[in-house]
Amino acid sequence: MRLDFLHAARRLHRTSELDEDLSGVWPDFVDCSRRMVTLGPYLDRHLPAGPDHLVLDAAAGIGCEAARLVERGNRVIANEISPALRACLFQAIDDKAGATITNHDWRELSDALGHSIFDAVILLGNSICLLLSAADRRLALRRIYETLKPGGLLLIDQRNFALLLDRKDEVLEGRFEFRSEVMYCGRNIVGYPISVDRHEIVFAYLNPKTGWVAGFLHMSTFAEDSLESELESIGFVDIRSDFDLGRADKSTGDFIIHCCRRPS
């Protein structure tokens, strides 16, 4: 990433009133078709398919995963709290049988949707890190646990924050390169950190050719084993973690996806 672009983004972050509505550029950042090349087969391997299985996409965004699940025959509840992203979601799955769109806060999921009803829940795209409070994060995980049937599966991911912290100098100088093979695969809009510390990281979303900045997101940083410990303390079992869907290791992977179950 060009260092002058990063300096400009940092100045803009300090002085602007840009909000965090990135819905206009999110499809370019995600690139659903490229995401599904790697993520689609991973979902197929791990999630039960067919109309007998109800899946909650807890952070549905623009609908990449929800559309894939519906095409596999699943009944899907696609949950997205952002009104702007939900508009994109309606375009992706509104005409598909077996899909319902909701807008519930993760911290209220079991009250809103019910207890022990889902065969699987997915919470992907580093979404859990947008809860900046550890207490809020644990509450959200508890509510997700409560919505799962006994034996139900959770797939949840996070960025590989340990790697970004270990290579902080490279990151802040624009010398770090993301693999961009899973989750966020776009080329016209990329996310790059402009501030990194052990509590919070700020990503700027910008055009890598022109430096135009669309907006910013603040994320809570935590280690791989921190989220695993939280999942275990809530009651999840059989926790397994993959770096970039098993295509990398902790020294190179952009994302860590955790697969776990509510006990039967």
C-alpha atoms as a PDB file:
ATOM      1  CA  MET A   1       0.000   0.000   0.000  1.00  0.00           C
ATOM      2  CA  ARG A   2       1.394   3.414  -0.936  1.00  0.00           C
ATOM      3  CA  LEU A   3       2.588   5.261   2.138  1.00  0.00           C
ATOM      4  CA  ASP A   4       1.250   8.628   0.916  1.00  0.00           C
ATOM      5  CA  PHE A   5      -2.212   7.067   0.656  1.00  0.00           C
ATOM      6  CA  LEU A   6      -1.936   5.863   4.267  1.00  0.00           C
ATOM      7  CA  HIS A   7      -0.788   9.274   5.507  1.00  0.00           C
ATOM      8  CA  ALA A   8      -3.731  10.914   3.736  1.00  0.00           C
ATOM      9  CA  ALA A   9      -6.152   8.357   5.174  1.00  0.00           C
ATOM     10  CA  ARG A  10      -4.831   8.995   8.697  1.00  0.00           C
ATOM     11  CA  ARG A  11      -5.288  12.748   8.284  1.00  0.00           C
ATOM     12  CA  LEU A  12      -8.800  12.218   6.972  1.00  0.00           C
ATOM     13  CA  HIS A  13      -9.631   9.903   9.864  1.00  0.00           C
ATOM     14  CA  ARG A  14      -8.543  12.561  12.367  1.00  0.00           C
ATOM     15  CA  THR A  15     -10.404  15.433  10.746  1.00  0.00           C
ATOM     16  CA  SER A  16     -13.388  14.142   8.778  1.00  0.00           C
ATOM     17  CA  GLU A  17     -16.926  13.297   9.703  1.00  0.00           C
ATOM     18  CA  LEU A  18     -17.114  10.328   7.356  1.00  0.00           C
ATOM     19  CA  ASP A  19     -19.573   7.862   8.849  1.00  0.00           C
ATOM     20  CA  GLU A  20     -19.208   4.102   8.874  1.00  0.00           C
ATOM     21  CA  ASP A  21     -21.778   3.434   6.159  1.00  0.00           C
ATOM     22  CA  LEU A  22     -19.631   1.572   3.659  1.00  0.00           C
ATOM     23  CA  SER A  23     -22.550  -0.138   1.925  1.00  0.00           C
ATOM     24  CA  GLY A  24     -21.911   1.671  -1.346  1.00  0.00           C
ATOM     25  CA  VAL A  25     -18.456   0.127  -1.733  1.00  0.00           C
ATOM     26  CA  TRP A  26     -18.995  -3.119   0.189  1.00  0.00           C
ATOM     27  CA  PRO A  27     -19.854  -5.239  -2.873  1.00  0.00           C
ATOM     28  CA  ASP A  28     -16.559  -4.178  -4.479  1.00  0.00           C
ATOM     29  CA  PHE A  29     -14.673  -4.893  -1.252  1.00  0.00           C
ATOM     30  CA  VAL A  30     -16.234  -8.330  -0.785  1.00  0.00           C
ATOM     31  CA  ASP A  31     -16.459  -9.539  -4.405  1.00  0.00           C
ATOM     32  CA  CYS A  32     -18.982 -12.321  -3.763  1.00  0.00           C
ATOM     33  CA  SER A  33     -18.042 -14.409  -6.785  1.00  0.00           C
ATOM     34  CA  ARG A  34     -14.365 -14.575  -5.789  1.00  0.00           C
ATOM     35  CA  ARG A  35     -15.255 -15.127  -2.121  1.00  0.00           C
ATOM     36  CA  MET A  36     -17.415 -18.116  -2.955  1.00  0.00           C
ATOM     37  CA  VAL A  37     -14.602 -19.791  -4.912  1.00  0.00           C
ATOM     38  CA  THR A  38     -12.877 -20.504  -1.598  1.00  0.00           C
ATOM     39  CA  LEU A  39     -15.569 -20.058   1.046  1.00  0.00           C
ATOM     40  CA  GLY A  40     -18.346 -21.873  -0.810  1.00  0.00           C
ATOM     41  CA  PRO A  41     -16.711 -25.331  -0.722  1.00  0.00           C
ATOM     42  CA  TYR A  42     -15.732 -24.777   2.917  1.00  0.00           C
ATOM     43  CA  LEU A  43     -19.364 -24.096   3.843  1.00  0.00           C
ATOM     44  CA  ASP A  44     -20.452 -27.136   1.849  1.00  0.00           C
ATOM     45  CA  ARG A  45     -18.040 -29.352   3.790  1.00  0.00           C
ATOM     46  CA  HIS A  46     -19.053 -28.121   7.229  1.00  0.00           C
ATOM     47  CA  LEU A  47     -22.738 -27.197   7.135  1.00  0.00           C
ATOM     48  CA  PRO A  48     -25.661 -29.590   6.777  1.00  0.00           C
ATOM     49  CA  ALA A  49     -27.592 -29.057   3.532  1.00  0.00           C
ATOM     50  CA  GLY A  50     -31.248 -29.409   2.624  1.00  0.00           C
ATOM     51  CA  PRO A  51     -34.620 -28.050   3.764  1.00  0.00           C
ATOM     52  CA  ASP A  52     -34.569 -30.009   7.010  1.00  0.00           C
ATOM     53  CA  HIS A  53     -31.747 -27.784   8.266  1.00  0.00           C
ATOM     54  CA  LEU A  54     -32.303 -24.208   9.417  1.00  0.00           C
ATOM     55  CA  VAL A  55     -29.235 -21.946   9.306  1.00  0.00           C
ATOM     56  CA  LEU A  56     -28.795 -18.470  10.757  1.00  0.00           C
ATOM     57  CA  ASP A  57     -26.452 -16.121   8.941  1.00  0.00           C
ATOM     58  CA  ALA A  58     -26.027 -13.732  11.860  1.00  0.00           C
ATOM     59  CA  ALA A  59     -24.119 -11.045   9.919  1.00  0.00           C
ATOM     60  CA  ALA A  60     -25.502 -11.514   6.428  1.00  0.00           C
ATOM     61  CA  GLY A  61     -24.099  -8.305   4.938  1.00  0.00           C
ATOM     62  CA  ILE A  62     -24.781  -8.209   1.203  1.00  0.00           C
ATOM     63  CA  GLY A  63     -25.956 -11.826   1.156  1.00  0.00           C
ATOM     64  CA  CYS A  64     -23.077 -13.873  -0.301  1.00  0.00           C
ATOM     65  CA  GLU A  65     -23.322 -16.760   2.162  1.00  0.00           C
ATOM     66  CA  ALA A  66     -27.103 -16.620   2.565  1.00  0.00           C
ATOM     67  CA  ALA A  67     -27.605 -16.920  -1.195  1.00  0.00           C
ATOM     68  CA  ARG A  68     -25.237 -19.898  -1.315  1.00  0.00           C
ATOM     69  CA  LEU A  69     -27.057 -21.629   1.542  1.00  0.00           C
ATOM     70  CA  VAL A  70     -30.462 -21.116  -0.073  1.00  0.00           C
ATOM     71  CA  GLU A  71     -29.146 -22.531  -3.344  1.00  0.00           C
ATOM     72  CA  ARG A  72     -28.055 -25.641  -1.385  1.00  0.00           C
ATOM     73  CA  GLY A  73     -31.629 -26.076  -0.218  1.00  0.00           C
ATOM     74  CA  ASN A  74     -31.246 -24.792   3.333  1.00  0.00           C
ATOM     75  CA  ARG A  75     -33.875 -22.761   5.084  1.00  0.00           C
ATOM     76  CA  VAL A  76     -32.054 -19.559   6.026  1.00  0.00           C
ATOM     77  CA  ILE A  77     -32.595 -16.619   8.326  1.00  0.00           C
ATOM     78  CA  ALA A  78     -30.341 -13.827   7.079  1.00  0.00           C
ATOM     79  CA  ASN A  79     -29.799 -11.296   9.838  1.00  0.00           C
ATOM     80  CA  GLU A  80     -28.304  -7.863   9.127  1.00  0.00           C
ATOM     81  CA  ILE A  81     -28.605  -4.870  11.446  1.00  0.00           C
ATOM     82  CA  SER A  82     -27.372  -2.223   8.994  1.00  0.00           C
ATOM     83  CA  PRO A  83     -30.286  -0.758   6.982  1.00  0.00           C
ATOM     84  CA  ALA A  84     -28.017   0.064   4.039  1.00  0.00           C
ATOM     85  CA  LEU A  85     -26.493  -3.415   3.870  1.00  0.00           C
ATOM     86  CA  ARG A  86     -29.933  -4.929   4.375  1.00  0.00           C
ATOM     87  CA  ALA A  87     -31.057  -3.182   1.177  1.00  0.00           C
ATOM     88  CA  CYS A  88     -28.271  -5.037  -0.656  1.00  0.00           C
ATOM     89  CA  LEU A  89     -29.325  -8.229   1.091  1.00  0.00           C
ATOM     90  CA  PHE A  90     -32.896  -7.894  -0.170  1.00  0.00           C
ATOM     91  CA  GLN A  91     -31.560  -7.660  -3.711  1.00  0.00           C
ATOM     92  CA  ALA A  92     -29.514 -10.834  -3.211  1.00  0.00           C
ATOM     93  CA  ILE A  93     -32.092 -13.155  -1.650  1.00  0.00           C
ATOM     94  CA  ASP A  94     -35.518 -11.515  -1.438  1.00  0.00           C
ATOM     95  CA  ASP A  95     -36.894 -13.584  -4.310  1.00  0.00           C
ATOM     96  CA  LYS A  96     -35.433 -16.859  -3.089  1.00  0.00           C
ATOM     97  CA  ALA A  97     -37.693 -19.388  -1.418  1.00  0.00           C
ATOM     98  CA  GLY A  98     -36.594 -20.499   2.017  1.00  0.00           C
ATOM     99  CA  ALA A  99     -35.012 -17.184   3.074  1.00  0.00           C
ATOM    100  CA  THR A 100     -36.168 -14.769   5.773  1.00  0.00           C
ATOM    101  CA  ILE A 101     -34.457 -11.443   6.471  1.00  0.00           C
ATOM    102  CA  THR A 102     -34.226 -10.033  10.006  1.00  0.00           C
ATOM    103  CA  ASN A 103     -32.391  -7.188  11.735  1.00  0.00           C
ATOM    104  CA  HIS A 104     -31.715  -8.281  15.315  1.00  0.00           C
ATOM    105  CA  ASP A 105     -28.917  -7.231  17.632  1.00  0.00           C
ATOM    106  CA  TRP A 106     -26.678 -10.248  18.353  1.00  0.00           C
ATOM    107  CA  ARG A 107     -26.979  -9.537  22.081  1.00  0.00           C
ATOM    108  CA  GLU A 108     -30.732 -10.169  21.836  1.00  0.00           C
ATOM    109  CA  LEU A 109     -30.788 -13.050  19.342  1.00  0.00           C
ATOM    110  CA  SER A 110     -32.216 -15.792  21.533  1.00  0.00           C
ATOM    111  CA  ASP A 111     -34.954 -13.489  22.841  1.00  0.00           C
ATOM    112  CA  ALA A 112     -35.838 -12.395  19.316  1.00  0.00           C
ATOM    113  CA  LEU A 113     -35.536 -15.698  17.424  1.00  0.00           C
ATOM    114  CA  GLY A 114     -35.962 -18.366  20.086  1.00  0.00           C
ATOM    115  CA  HIS A 115     -33.930 -21.009  21.878  1.00  0.00           C
ATOM    116  CA  SER A 116     -32.565 -24.230  20.385  1.00  0.00           C
ATOM    117  CA  ILE A 117     -33.913 -23.704  16.865  1.00  0.00           C
ATOM    118  CA  PHE A 118     -30.913 -23.551  14.490  1.00  0.00           C
ATOM    119  CA  ASP A 119     -28.942 -26.455  13.107  1.00  0.00           C
ATOM    120  CA  ALA A 120     -26.084 -24.062  12.380  1.00  0.00           C
ATOM    121  CA  VAL A 121     -25.103 -20.422  12.814  1.00  0.00           C
ATOM    122  CA  ILE A 122     -22.469 -18.569  10.824  1.00  0.00           C
ATOM    123  CA  LEU A 123     -20.937 -15.249  11.888  1.00  0.00           C
ATOM    124  CA  LEU A 124     -18.293 -14.385   9.315  1.00  0.00           C
ATOM    125  CA  GLY A 125     -16.373 -11.474   7.817  1.00  0.00           C
ATOM    126  CA  ASN A 126     -14.617 -10.530  11.071  1.00  0.00           C
ATOM    127  CA  SER A 127     -17.977  -9.216  12.227  1.00  0.00           C
ATOM    128  CA  ILE A 128     -17.687 -10.163  15.914  1.00  0.00           C
ATOM    129  CA  CYS A 129     -14.745  -7.754  16.208  1.00  0.00           C
ATOM    130  CA  LEU A 130     -17.069  -4.801  15.599  1.00  0.00           C
ATOM    131  CA  LEU A 131     -18.257  -5.268  19.171  1.00  0.00           C
ATOM    132  CA  LEU A 132     -15.585  -3.227  20.913  1.00  0.00           C
ATOM    133  CA  SER A 133     -16.507  -4.388  24.412  1.00  0.00           C
ATOM    134  CA  ALA A 134     -15.377  -7.854  25.554  1.00  0.00           C
ATOM    135  CA  ALA A 135     -18.522  -8.070  27.692  1.00  0.00           C
ATOM    136  CA  ASP A 136     -20.723  -7.380  24.647  1.00  0.00           C
ATOM    137  CA  ARG A 137     -18.821  -9.972  22.645  1.00  0.00           C
ATOM    138  CA  ARG A 138     -19.319 -12.646  25.308  1.00  0.00           C
ATOM    139  CA  LEU A 139     -23.006 -11.768  25.582  1.00  0.00           C
ATOM    140  CA  ALA A 140     -23.444 -12.096  21.820  1.00  0.00           C
ATOM    141  CA  LEU A 141     -21.718 -15.480  21.843  1.00  0.00           C
ATOM    142  CA  ARG A 142     -23.941 -16.624  24.702  1.00  0.00           C
ATOM    143  CA  ARG A 143     -27.078 -15.611  22.775  1.00  0.00           C
ATOM    144  CA  ILE A 144     -25.840 -17.449  19.681  1.00  0.00           C
ATOM    145  CA  TYR A 145     -25.201 -20.545  21.794  1.00  0.00           C
ATOM    146  CA  GLU A 146     -28.760 -20.368  23.093  1.00  0.00           C
ATOM    147  CA  THR A 147     -30.247 -20.247  19.577  1.00  0.00           C
ATOM    148  CA  LEU A 148     -28.447 -23.433  18.504  1.00  0.00           C
ATOM    149  CA  LYS A 149     -30.008 -26.853  18.840  1.00  0.00           C
ATOM    150  CA  PRO A 150     -28.027 -29.350  20.909  1.00  0.00           C
ATOM    151  CA  GLY A 151     -25.317 -30.560  18.544  1.00  0.00           C
ATOM    152  CA  GLY A 152     -25.681 -27.426  16.416  1.00  0.00           C
ATOM    153  CA  LEU A 153     -22.644 -25.965  14.663  1.00  0.00           C
ATOM    154  CA  LEU A 154     -21.141 -22.477  14.849  1.00  0.00           C
ATOM    155  CA  LEU A 155     -18.713 -21.074  12.268  1.00  0.00           C
ATOM    156  CA  ILE A 156     -17.210 -17.777  13.426  1.00  0.00           C
ATOM    157  CA  ASP A 157     -14.152 -15.952  12.171  1.00  0.00           C
ATOM    158  CA  GLN A 158     -11.756 -13.162  13.062  1.00  0.00           C
ATOM    159  CA  ARG A 159      -8.827 -11.438  11.472  1.00  0.00           C
ATOM    160  CA  ASN A 160      -5.407 -12.776  12.370  1.00  0.00           C
ATOM    161  CA  PHE A 161      -4.722  -9.888  14.732  1.00  0.00           C
ATOM    162  CA  ALA A 162      -1.641 -11.531  16.230  1.00  0.00           C
ATOM    163  CA  LEU A 163       0.020 -11.383  12.814  1.00  0.00           C
ATOM    164  CA  LEU A 164      -0.836  -7.695  12.384  1.00  0.00           C
ATOM    165  CA  LEU A 165       0.477  -6.876  15.855  1.00  0.00           C
ATOM    166  CA  ASP A 166       3.666  -8.878  15.328  1.00  0.00           C
ATOM    167  CA  ARG A 167       4.321  -7.034  12.075  1.00  0.00           C
ATOM    168  CA  LYS A 168       2.957  -3.682  13.184  1.00  0.00           C
ATOM    169  CA  ASP A 169       5.835  -1.637  11.760  1.00  0.00           C
ATOM    170  CA  GLU A 170       5.410  -3.209   8.323  1.00  0.00           C
ATOM    171  CA  VAL A 171       1.669  -2.624   8.488  1.00  0.00           C
ATOM    172  CA  LEU A 172       1.907   1.051   9.409  1.00  0.00           C
ATOM    173  CA  GLU A 173       4.586   1.675   6.769  1.00  0.00           C
ATOM    174  CA  GLY A 174       2.421   0.127   4.049  1.00  0.00           C
ATOM    175  CA  ARG A 175       4.797  -2.796   3.472  1.00  0.00           C
ATOM    176  CA  PHE A 176       2.441  -5.554   4.679  1.00  0.00           C
ATOM    177  CA  GLU A 177       0.568  -7.508   2.007  1.00  0.00           C
ATOM    178  CA  PHE A 178      -2.706  -9.287   2.701  1.00  0.00           C
ATOM    179  CA  ARG A 179      -3.284 -12.559   0.880  1.00  0.00           C
ATOM    180  CA  SER A 180      -6.873 -11.497   0.049  1.00  0.00           C
ATOM    181  CA  GLU A 181      -7.805 -15.044  -0.970  1.00  0.00           C
ATOM    182  CA  VAL A 182     -10.723 -15.460   1.438  1.00  0.00           C
ATOM    183  CA  MET A 183     -13.542 -13.274   2.784  1.00  0.00           C
ATOM    184  CA  TYR A 184     -12.561  -9.889   1.302  1.00  0.00           C
ATOM    185  CA  CYS A 185     -11.339 -10.508  -2.212  1.00  0.00           C
ATOM    186  CA  GLY A 186     -12.058  -7.260  -4.058  1.00  0.00           C
ATOM    187  CA  ARG A 187      -9.489  -5.366  -6.071  1.00  0.00           C
ATOM    188  CA  ASN A 188     -11.139  -1.956  -6.520  1.00  0.00           C
ATOM    189  CA  ILE A 189     -11.683  -1.362  -2.795  1.00  0.00           C
ATOM    190  CA  VAL A 190      -9.308  -2.751  -0.172  1.00  0.00           C
ATOM    191  CA  GLY A 191      -9.155  -2.550   3.600  1.00  0.00           C
ATOM    192  CA  TYR A 192      -5.863  -1.544   5.180  1.00  0.00           C
ATOM    193  CA  PRO A 193      -4.988  -0.704   8.803  1.00  0.00           C
ATOM    194  CA  ILE A 194      -4.070   2.899   9.563  1.00  0.00           C
ATOM    195  CA  SER A 195      -3.844   2.401  13.345  1.00  0.00           C
ATOM    196  CA  VAL A 196      -2.838  -0.748  15.221  1.00  0.00           C
ATOM    197  CA  ASP A 197      -2.589  -1.455  18.933  1.00  0.00           C
ATOM    198  CA  ARG A 198      -3.335  -4.370  21.228  1.00  0.00           C
ATOM    199  CA  HIS A 199      -6.841  -3.138  22.030  1.00  0.00           C
ATOM    200  CA  GLU A 200      -8.158  -1.701  18.770  1.00  0.00           C
ATOM    201  CA  ILE A 201      -7.348  -1.520  15.095  1.00  0.00           C
ATOM    202  CA  VAL A 202      -8.703   0.991  12.572  1.00  0.00           C
ATOM    203  CA  PHE A 203      -9.123  -0.036   8.953  1.00  0.00           C
ATOM    204  CA  ALA A 204      -9.457   2.464   6.120  1.00  0.00           C
ATOM    205  CA  TYR A 205     -11.342   1.331   3.022  1.00  0.00           C
ATOM    206  CA  LEU A 206      -9.862   2.866  -0.079  1.00  0.00           C
ATOM    207  CA  ASN A 207      -9.191   2.584  -3.764  1.00  0.00           C
ATOM    208  CA  PRO A 208      -5.620   1.224  -4.017  1.00  0.00           C
ATOM    209  CA  LYS A 209      -4.966   3.015  -7.318  1.00  0.00           C
ATOM    210  CA  THR A 210      -6.195   6.512  -6.467  1.00  0.00           C
ATOM    211  CA  GLY A 211      -6.110   6.616  -2.667  1.00  0.00           C
ATOM    212  CA  TRP A 212      -9.770   7.678  -2.465  1.00  0.00           C
ATOM    213  CA  VAL A 213     -11.080   6.781   1.007  1.00  0.00           C
ATOM    214  CA  ALA A 214     -14.628   5.473   1.378  1.00  0.00           C
ATOM    215  CA  GLY A 215     -14.659   5.233   5.168  1.00  0.00           C
ATOM    216  CA  PHE A 216     -13.292   3.595   8.294  1.00  0.00           C
ATOM    217  CA  LEU A 217     -14.126   0.823  10.737  1.00  0.00           C
ATOM    218  CA  HIS A 218     -12.894   0.381  14.305  1.00  0.00           C
ATOM    219  CA  MET A 219     -12.359  -3.218  15.466  1.00  0.00           C
ATOM    220  CA  SER A 220     -11.535  -4.846  18.755  1.00  0.00           C
ATOM    221  CA  THR A 221      -8.307  -6.835  18.568  1.00  0.00           C
ATOM    222  CA  PHE A 222      -7.902 -10.115  20.390  1.00  0.00           C
ATOM    223  CA  ALA A 223      -5.772 -13.190  20.016  1.00  0.00           C
ATOM    224  CA  GLU A 224      -6.864 -16.448  18.419  1.00  0.00           C
ATOM    225  CA  ASP A 225      -6.835 -18.245  21.757  1.00  0.00           C
ATOM    226  CA  SER A 226      -8.884 -15.469  23.405  1.00  0.00           C
ATOM    227  CA  LEU A 227     -11.901 -16.148  21.210  1.00  0.00           C
ATOM    228  CA  GLU A 228     -11.386 -19.891  21.555  1.00  0.00           C
ATOM    229  CA  SER A 229     -11.346 -19.505  25.358  1.00  0.00           C
ATOM    230  CA  GLU A 230     -14.528 -17.442  25.280  1.00  0.00           C
ATOM    231  CA  LEU A 231     -16.267 -20.046  23.133  1.00  0.00           C
ATOM    232  CA  GLU A 232     -15.147 -22.802  25.494  1.00  0.00           C
ATOM    233  CA  SER A 233     -16.238 -20.902  28.613  1.00  0.00           C
ATOM    234  CA  ILE A 234     -19.731 -20.470  27.163  1.00  0.00           C
ATOM    235  CA  GLY A 235     -19.997 -24.213  26.569  1.00  0.00           C
ATOM    236  CA  PHE A 236     -18.956 -24.829  22.976  1.00  0.00           C
ATOM    237  CA  VAL A 237     -17.022 -28.023  22.334  1.00  0.00           C
ATOM    238  CA  ASP A 238     -14.966 -29.607  19.530  1.00  0.00           C
ATOM    239  CA  ILE A 239     -13.377 -26.245  18.736  1.00  0.00           C
ATOM    240  CA  ARG A 240     -11.130 -26.350  15.681  1.00  0.00           C
ATOM    241  CA  SER A 241      -9.490 -23.384  13.969  1.00  0.00           C
ATOM    242  CA  ASP A 242      -8.355 -22.951  10.360  1.00  0.00           C
ATOM    243  CA  PHE A 243      -6.229 -20.153   8.899  1.00  0.00           C
ATOM    244  CA  ASP A 244      -7.659 -18.869   5.621  1.00  0.00           C
ATOM    245  CA  LEU A 245      -9.974 -21.876   5.429  1.00  0.00           C
ATOM    246  CA  GLY A 246      -7.033 -24.253   5.792  1.00  0.00           C
ATOM    247  CA  ARG A 247      -5.064 -22.610   2.970  1.00  0.00           C
ATOM    248  CA  ALA A 248      -2.469 -20.920   5.233  1.00  0.00           C
ATOM    249  CA  ASP A 249      -0.970 -20.998   8.715  1.00  0.00           C
ATOM    250  CA  LYS A 250      -0.725 -18.493  11.575  1.00  0.00           C
ATOM    251  CA  SER A 251       2.341 -16.847  10.040  1.00  0.00           C
ATOM    252  CA  THR A 252       0.571 -15.941   6.780  1.00  0.00           C
ATOM    253  CA  GLY A 253      -3.200 -16.275   7.097  1.00  0.00           C
ATOM    254  CA  ASP A 254      -5.449 -13.197   6.991  1.00  0.00           C
ATOM    255  CA  PHE A 255      -8.372 -14.872   8.774  1.00  0.00           C
ATOM    256  CA  ILE A 256      -8.980 -17.522  11.406  1.00  0.00           C
ATOM    257  CA  ILE A 257     -12.258 -19.411  11.247  1.00  0.00           C
ATOM    258  CA  HIS A 258     -13.364 -21.318  14.337  1.00  0.00           C
ATOM    259  CA  CYS A 259     -15.672 -24.307  14.002  1.00  0.00           C
ATOM    260  CA  CYS A 260     -17.388 -25.553  17.164  1.00  0.00           C
ATOM    261  CA  ARG A 261     -20.573 -27.167  18.459  1.00  0.00           C
ATOM    262  CA  ARG A 262     -23.107 -26.889  21.190  1.00  0.00           C
ATOM    263  CA  PRO A 263     -22.963 -30.219  23.042  1.00  0.00           C
ATOM    264  CA  SER A 264     -25.595 -32.779  22.027  1.00  0.00           C
END
